[in-house]
Every structure is written in C-alpha cells, then in structure tokens.
Amino acid sequence: MLEVRNLRKAYGDIVAVEDVSFSVGDGEVFGLLGPNGAGKSTTMMMACGLLTPDAGTILIDGQEMRPDRRELKRLLGVVPQDLAIYPELTARENLRFFGKLYGLNGSRLTARIDDALERTGLAPRADGAAHTFSGGMKRRLNFGCALLHEPKLLILDEPTVGVDPQSRSHLLDSVQQLSREGVAVIYASHYMEEVEEVCRRVAIVDHGRVVAEDTLDALLGRLKSVIRLRVRGQNVAVPQRFASIATVEQDGDDEHQLIDIDRGKIDSGTSLDETLATLLTEARNQGATLETVESHEPNLERLFLELTGNRLRD
C-alpha cells in the first residue's frame, strides 16, 4: 500500500530525515518507534503529501505521491499529534464537518458518522461539545474524524499522547480491528509498549535515520535474556566452566560489579537455579556479597539503548 524510498528532508543545515526507506502492506500495522525529534512526524508529513521531500520517492498504491495528487490523498486518513477538532462543536458536528470535507453527504454521511461514534466509544456523548471532553475523549474524536471516508492507509502520529488508560486501550483495540479489515496503518510513537502490542514490523528511528527495521520478533531476537547479579566486591572472577554463559563488569565504581548470565546459553542439563547458586557461592568465596538480582528480558527499550547508546526520551 505504501512504499517509501530513500527520503531526505532538511531545513537549512538541520537534517530532519536522512535516507529513510520502508514499506507497509494492506492490513499491516507498521511501527515507527523513536524519541520526539527523531524525524517521525516529518516522514509522515511527506508520506501524506503535506511536505515535499528534498530527495526520495513515495508510492501510494503503486503511484507516486506529490502535493497535487488529490486522488491519492483520498486514500489516506491522518491523525495528527496535535488535535484537529473544533472544541465548540459537538462530536457529531465535528464528524459531520470533516465528513463533508471528504465529500460525503446524505445517508452515506450519517452512516459513517454513526460508525465512527461506535468505533471510538463516543456514541453516548455524540451531542456533547468537544471542549467538555476529557483529553482521551478528544483523542478518540480526532481518531474518528480520520475514519469517515474509509481510508486504505491510516497514518497515526503519537495518537495516545496524554490520554487515560481506558482511551489508550480503546484506541489500540480500534487499530487492531482496522488491521483485520485490511487497512494499512503507520503507527508512530515513542511508547515502546504500544508498538510492541499492535505492530508486527517496526522501524526504529533516531536523529532522522532508520537504525533498524524488521519484524518485532526478529528485532527482539537480537537481544539476550539476562539475569543480572549486582554484588559488592572487587575482582570477582567467573569460574572457567561458566565463561561461555556469564560475564563480569564494573558497575561504575570500585565497590560493585555486575555478573550477567545469558539464560539462552545455560546447558539444558542444568537449571537456572543451580547456575545461580553455584555462581553466588563462587562470588561469596571471593569475598563478595549479593545486593540485587534482576531479570532483563528482550524489549524495544533495551534494543534502542543497544543500537543508539541512548534511552528513548520523551
């Protein structure tokens, strides 16, 4: 449905997007994960024809997107990060206004408004003014406005910023339902847990570049499942027979060390408990004392840290 090839966009000397490429198929929820300022919004503005790239190509349904291609823009639904609703209008009036902008009218428009209200859970408040809504309800209305014309590609830019847990859950459920109906979705967020929940493929973006892009399983498969022991002591050494599964490093001072155990490399004939007990006994014999035990499972936060050296930042 969407193919992005080698996009570049700069504002003077500041490069916002550099050589970004990815594709999104029908019914796929594709995640763009990165911190604020990573270039996600700029990429999506180019994808929907609101910005002209300095270089690169964007194909929508096999046709090149340009600012004047209205027939391609009709295939898109866009939910911007900033709310695009009229606070003085009711939910129904907002939907009617945007529906008419899409060229809908009569019974068709009425049916699409009713569908949007049901999908967003706003039917009971359909005739309430938007300015009386909670932040989460406004986000849901913003989302509903983008669905009126039944887009083939839905572009979501940080759709859950500042929403309550109930609204977040409702929006994520709606995204998954649209995927089942064959709608292609770009889901841009800096909330890793949301991307992990709804996306099958993910591009990790930082400083305008895609630093990794693959299925979620493949990306997380790059990481180890680690048990980390933090001990107080100096010059703790791992016995030779554990050298293939455990490593030791200093923890920022002269008094503490970290022992990382790769769970995937523990011999099938040995339990994790036995391995931990043996290593702790060895550490105690070397004068060390255990302070904490942590389990580090693969997740996108860890992957981002490994790829960029930074944590996902708000």
Protein backbone atom coordinates (compact mmCIF):
# COMPACT_ATOMS: atom_id res chain seq x y z
CA MET A 1 0.00 0.00 0.00
CA LEU A 2 2.84 2.40 0.88
CA GLU A 3 6.45 2.35 -0.21
CA VAL A 4 8.96 4.95 0.96
CA ARG A 5 12.33 5.06 -0.77
CA ASN A 6 15.39 7.00 0.39
CA LEU A 7 13.55 10.02 1.78
CA ARG A 8 15.54 13.08 2.77
CA LYS A 9 14.38 16.38 4.23
CA ALA A 10 16.48 19.23 5.60
CA TYR A 11 15.69 22.66 6.98
CA GLY A 12 18.76 24.69 6.18
CA ASP A 13 21.68 22.96 7.87
CA ILE A 14 19.41 20.80 10.03
CA VAL A 15 18.71 17.38 8.51
CA ALA A 16 15.36 16.10 9.79
CA VAL A 17 15.17 12.90 7.70
CA GLU A 18 18.08 11.12 6.02
CA ASP A 19 17.76 8.15 3.64
CA VAL A 20 14.61 6.67 5.19
CA SER A 21 13.05 3.66 3.45
CA PHE A 22 10.26 1.26 4.44
CA SER A 23 7.03 -0.27 3.13
CA VAL A 24 3.60 -1.02 4.59
CA GLY A 25 1.28 -3.68 3.20
CA ASP A 26 -2.51 -3.96 3.27
CA GLY A 27 -3.75 -4.89 6.74
CA GLU A 28 -0.34 -4.32 8.31
CA VAL A 29 0.34 -2.16 11.36
CA PHE A 30 3.85 -0.80 10.86
CA GLY A 31 5.54 0.91 13.80
CA LEU A 32 7.79 3.94 13.68
CA LEU A 33 9.46 3.96 17.08
CA GLY A 34 11.70 6.79 18.17
CA PRO A 35 12.02 9.72 20.56
CA ASN A 36 10.46 13.11 19.95
CA GLY A 37 12.56 14.91 17.36
CA ALA A 38 13.66 11.70 15.64
CA GLY A 39 12.00 12.61 12.31
CA LYS A 40 8.81 10.55 12.59
CA SER A 41 6.38 13.44 12.04
CA THR A 42 8.40 14.86 9.15
CA THR A 43 8.44 11.45 7.48
CA MET A 44 4.67 11.11 7.79
CA MET A 45 4.02 14.64 6.55
CA MET A 46 5.96 13.73 3.41
CA ALA A 47 4.11 10.41 3.11
CA CYS A 48 0.73 12.16 3.06
CA GLY A 49 1.81 14.89 0.64
CA LEU A 50 1.93 17.80 3.07
CA LEU A 51 5.70 18.19 2.70
CA THR A 52 7.80 17.78 -0.42
CA PRO A 53 10.93 15.68 0.19
CA ASP A 54 14.30 17.02 -0.90
CA ALA A 55 15.06 13.57 -2.27
CA GLY A 56 13.42 10.16 -2.45
CA THR A 57 10.16 8.66 -3.64
CA ILE A 58 6.80 7.89 -2.01
CA LEU A 59 4.42 5.41 -3.65
CA ILE A 60 0.78 5.10 -2.54
CA ASP A 61 -1.00 2.11 -4.03
CA GLY A 62 1.76 1.96 -6.66
CA GLN A 63 1.50 5.63 -7.67
CA GLU A 64 3.91 8.41 -6.80
CA MET A 65 2.68 10.81 -4.14
CA ARG A 66 3.06 14.52 -4.82
CA PRO A 67 1.35 17.52 -3.18
CA ASP A 68 -1.07 17.86 -6.12
CA ARG A 69 -2.19 14.19 -6.17
CA ARG A 70 -5.64 14.62 -4.63
CA GLU A 71 -6.81 11.20 -5.80
CA LEU A 72 -4.07 9.60 -3.69
CA LYS A 73 -4.74 11.78 -0.67
CA ARG A 74 -8.33 10.48 -0.67
CA LEU A 75 -6.89 7.05 0.18
CA LEU A 76 -5.33 8.38 3.37
CA GLY A 77 -6.60 9.01 6.87
CA VAL A 78 -4.33 11.13 9.05
CA VAL A 79 -4.46 11.51 12.83
CA PRO A 80 -2.00 14.31 13.71
CA GLN A 81 -0.23 14.62 17.02
CA ASP A 82 -1.92 17.97 17.66
CA LEU A 83 -5.70 17.78 17.99
CA ALA A 84 -7.54 18.76 14.81
CA ILE A 85 -11.09 19.19 16.09
CA TYR A 86 -13.33 22.18 16.80
CA PRO A 87 -13.89 22.45 20.58
CA GLU A 88 -17.13 24.45 20.28
CA LEU A 89 -18.77 21.80 18.07
CA THR A 90 -20.28 18.57 19.35
CA ALA A 91 -18.71 15.23 18.47
CA ARG A 92 -21.40 14.62 15.86
CA GLU A 93 -20.97 18.11 14.39
CA ASN A 94 -17.21 17.66 14.16
CA LEU A 95 -17.68 14.38 12.33
CA ARG A 96 -20.28 15.88 10.00
CA PHE A 97 -17.97 18.80 9.16
CA PHE A 98 -15.00 16.59 8.34
CA GLY A 99 -17.20 14.10 6.53
CA LYS A 100 -18.40 16.83 4.19
CA LEU A 101 -14.80 17.85 3.56
CA TYR A 102 -14.26 14.28 2.39
CA GLY A 103 -17.22 14.65 0.01
CA LEU A 104 -19.70 12.57 1.99
CA ASN A 105 -23.36 13.56 2.28
CA GLY A 106 -26.88 12.27 2.89
CA SER A 107 -27.47 8.80 4.27
CA ARG A 108 -23.91 7.78 3.49
CA LEU A 109 -22.54 10.54 5.72
CA THR A 110 -24.99 9.69 8.50
CA ALA A 111 -23.97 6.02 8.40
CA ARG A 112 -20.26 6.87 8.50
CA ILE A 113 -20.77 9.24 11.46
CA ASP A 114 -22.63 6.52 13.37
CA ASP A 115 -19.84 4.04 12.60
CA ALA A 116 -17.14 6.46 13.80
CA LEU A 117 -19.03 7.15 17.02
CA GLU A 118 -19.36 3.42 17.72
CA ARG A 119 -15.72 2.67 16.89
CA THR A 120 -14.49 5.39 19.20
CA GLY A 121 -16.93 4.66 22.02
CA LEU A 122 -18.30 8.21 21.82
CA ALA A 123 -21.89 7.39 20.86
CA PRO A 124 -23.20 8.20 24.38
CA ARG A 125 -21.56 11.65 24.16
CA ALA A 126 -22.27 12.30 20.48
CA ASP A 127 -24.11 15.54 21.17
CA GLY A 128 -21.73 16.87 23.81
CA ALA A 129 -19.42 19.77 22.97
CA ALA A 130 -15.84 18.67 22.38
CA HIS A 131 -14.48 21.23 24.85
CA THR A 132 -16.25 19.34 27.65
CA PHE A 133 -14.47 16.09 26.79
CA SER A 134 -11.50 14.62 28.62
CA GLY A 135 -8.15 14.54 26.85
CA GLY A 136 -8.66 10.90 25.97
CA MET A 137 -12.13 11.51 24.51
CA LYS A 138 -10.76 14.35 22.36
CA ARG A 139 -8.08 11.98 21.06
CA ARG A 140 -10.74 9.41 20.21
CA LEU A 141 -12.77 12.04 18.35
CA ASN A 142 -9.62 13.09 16.49
CA PHE A 143 -9.17 9.43 15.54
CA GLY A 144 -12.79 9.04 14.43
CA CYS A 145 -12.57 12.03 12.08
CA ALA A 146 -9.84 10.23 10.11
CA LEU A 147 -12.00 7.13 9.58
CA LEU A 148 -15.07 8.72 7.99
CA HIS A 149 -14.07 8.18 4.35
CA GLU A 150 -12.84 4.60 4.96
CA PRO A 151 -9.16 5.19 4.15
CA LYS A 152 -6.93 2.42 2.82
CA LEU A 153 -3.92 3.81 4.69
CA LEU A 154 -4.19 5.30 8.18
CA ILE A 155 -1.32 7.44 9.49
CA LEU A 156 -1.22 7.85 13.27
CA ASP A 157 1.23 10.33 14.79
CA GLU A 158 1.53 9.80 18.56
CA PRO A 159 -2.21 9.07 18.83
CA THR A 160 -2.21 8.35 22.57
CA VAL A 161 -0.18 11.26 23.95
CA GLY A 162 -1.73 12.42 27.21
CA VAL A 163 -4.67 10.00 27.21
CA ASP A 164 -6.11 7.98 30.07
CA PRO A 165 -5.62 4.17 30.19
CA GLN A 166 -9.21 3.48 29.07
CA SER A 167 -8.90 5.67 25.97
CA ARG A 168 -5.47 4.23 25.18
CA SER A 169 -6.86 0.70 25.32
CA HIS A 170 -9.83 1.70 23.15
CA LEU A 171 -7.58 3.28 20.50
CA LEU A 172 -5.23 0.28 20.38
CA ASP A 173 -8.19 -2.10 20.02
CA SER A 174 -9.54 0.04 17.18
CA VAL A 175 -6.18 -0.03 15.38
CA GLN A 176 -6.08 -3.82 15.57
CA GLN A 177 -9.66 -4.07 14.28
CA LEU A 178 -8.87 -1.82 11.32
CA SER A 179 -5.88 -4.02 10.53
CA ARG A 180 -8.15 -7.07 10.47
CA GLU A 181 -10.36 -5.18 7.99
CA GLY A 182 -7.40 -4.73 5.64
CA VAL A 183 -6.45 -1.13 6.43
CA ALA A 184 -2.71 -0.40 6.32
CA VAL A 185 -1.55 1.55 9.38
CA ILE A 186 1.57 3.54 10.21
CA TYR A 187 1.79 3.82 13.98
CA ALA A 188 4.35 6.40 15.09
CA SER A 189 5.08 6.55 18.80
CA HIS A 190 7.76 6.83 21.45
CA TYR A 191 5.77 4.46 23.70
CA MET A 192 7.52 1.13 23.19
CA GLU A 193 4.83 -0.93 24.93
CA GLU A 194 2.18 0.28 22.46
CA VAL A 195 4.36 -0.51 19.46
CA GLU A 196 5.05 -3.98 20.86
CA GLU A 197 1.31 -4.55 21.33
CA VAL A 198 -0.04 -3.58 17.91
CA CYS A 199 2.83 -3.76 15.37
CA ARG A 200 4.21 -6.77 13.53
CA ARG A 201 7.06 -4.87 11.87
CA VAL A 202 8.92 -1.92 13.32
CA ALA A 203 11.41 0.69 12.16
CA ILE A 204 13.49 2.25 14.93
CA VAL A 205 14.29 5.87 14.10
CA ASP A 206 16.83 8.17 15.71
CA HIS A 207 18.21 11.51 14.54
CA GLY A 208 16.40 11.22 11.21
CA ARG A 209 17.70 7.77 10.29
CA VAL A 210 16.29 4.25 10.42
CA VAL A 211 18.75 2.38 12.63
CA ALA A 212 16.89 -0.95 12.45
CA GLU A 213 13.84 -2.31 10.60
CA ASP A 214 12.43 -5.83 10.79
CA THR A 215 9.66 -7.91 12.30
CA LEU A 216 9.22 -7.37 16.02
CA ASP A 217 10.28 -10.96 16.73
CA ALA A 218 13.44 -10.61 14.67
CA LEU A 219 14.38 -7.33 16.34
CA LEU A 220 13.86 -8.69 19.84
CA GLY A 221 15.73 -11.84 18.82
CA ARG A 222 18.89 -9.74 18.67
CA LEU A 223 18.82 -9.41 22.45
CA LYS A 224 19.70 -11.88 25.18
CA SER A 225 17.52 -12.86 28.10
CA VAL A 226 19.80 -11.95 31.00
CA ILE A 227 19.83 -12.50 34.75
CA ARG A 228 21.93 -9.75 36.34
CA LEU A 229 23.54 -10.09 39.76
CA ARG A 230 24.86 -6.94 41.41
CA VAL A 231 27.45 -7.77 44.02
CA ARG A 232 29.57 -5.72 46.39
CA GLY A 233 33.15 -6.77 45.99
CA GLN A 234 36.29 -6.35 43.92
CA ASN A 235 37.98 -8.51 41.31
CA VAL A 236 35.22 -11.13 41.25
CA ALA A 237 36.04 -13.74 38.60
CA VAL A 238 33.68 -16.19 36.90
CA PRO A 239 34.93 -19.81 37.02
CA GLN A 240 36.22 -21.06 33.67
CA ARG A 241 33.38 -23.56 33.27
CA PHE A 242 30.90 -20.63 33.27
CA ALA A 243 32.90 -18.39 30.92
CA SER A 244 30.55 -19.06 27.99
CA ILE A 245 27.37 -18.04 29.83
CA ALA A 246 28.42 -15.35 32.31
CA THR A 247 30.37 -12.10 32.16
CA VAL A 248 31.59 -9.68 34.84
CA GLU A 249 31.95 -5.92 34.55
CA GLN A 250 32.45 -2.98 36.88
CA ASP A 251 29.28 -1.11 37.88
CA GLY A 252 30.53 2.46 37.77
CA ASP A 253 32.54 2.39 40.99
CA ASP A 254 35.26 0.34 42.65
CA GLU A 255 32.92 -1.38 45.08
CA HIS A 256 30.33 -3.06 42.85
CA GLN A 257 30.37 -5.50 39.96
CA LEU A 258 27.69 -6.89 37.65
CA ILE A 259 27.51 -10.57 36.77
CA ASP A 260 25.36 -11.11 33.65
CA ILE A 261 24.10 -14.63 32.95
CA ASP A 262 22.85 -15.40 29.43
CA ARG A 263 19.84 -17.66 30.03
CA GLY A 264 19.88 -18.89 26.44
CA LYS A 265 23.33 -20.44 26.91
CA ILE A 266 22.65 -22.39 30.09
CA ASP A 267 23.15 -26.09 29.41
CA SER A 268 19.88 -28.00 29.06
CA GLY A 269 21.00 -30.39 31.77
CA THR A 270 21.49 -27.57 34.28
CA SER A 271 18.75 -25.46 35.82
CA LEU A 272 18.93 -21.70 36.21
CA ASP A 273 18.64 -22.13 39.99
CA GLU A 274 21.68 -24.41 40.05
CA THR A 275 23.68 -21.97 37.93
CA LEU A 276 22.76 -19.03 40.16
CA ALA A 277 23.56 -20.94 43.34
CA THR A 278 26.96 -22.00 42.04
CA LEU A 279 27.91 -18.51 40.84
CA LEU A 280 26.78 -16.92 44.11
CA THR A 281 28.80 -19.43 46.11
CA GLU A 282 31.85 -18.66 43.98
CA ALA A 283 31.31 -14.91 44.45
CA ARG A 284 30.99 -15.29 48.23
CA ASN A 285 34.16 -17.37 48.30
CA GLN A 286 35.87 -14.38 46.68
CA GLY A 287 34.61 -12.04 49.39
CA ALA A 288 31.62 -10.58 47.51
CA THR A 289 28.07 -10.11 48.84
CA LEU A 290 24.89 -10.14 46.75
CA GLU A 291 22.88 -6.90 46.64
CA THR A 292 20.29 -7.31 43.86
CA VAL A 293 19.05 -9.82 41.28
CA GLU A 294 17.32 -8.52 38.13
CA SER A 295 15.79 -10.21 35.09
CA HIS A 296 16.33 -8.36 31.79
CA GLU A 297 14.02 -9.68 29.07
CA PRO A 298 14.25 -8.54 25.42
CA ASN A 299 12.21 -5.40 24.72
CA LEU A 300 12.35 -2.43 22.40
CA GLU A 301 13.69 -0.12 25.10
CA ARG A 302 16.75 -2.33 25.54
CA LEU A 303 17.18 -2.68 21.78
CA PHE A 304 17.03 1.08 21.28
CA LEU A 305 19.64 1.53 24.00
CA GLU A 306 21.95 -1.02 22.36
CA LEU A 307 21.54 0.48 18.89
CA THR A 308 21.91 4.15 19.80
CA GLY A 309 23.55 4.27 23.21
CA ASN A 310 20.59 6.33 24.45
CA ARG A 311 17.28 5.63 26.12
CA LEU A 312 14.01 6.54 24.44
CA ARG A 313 13.46 10.09 25.57
CA ASP A 314 10.19 11.99 25.80
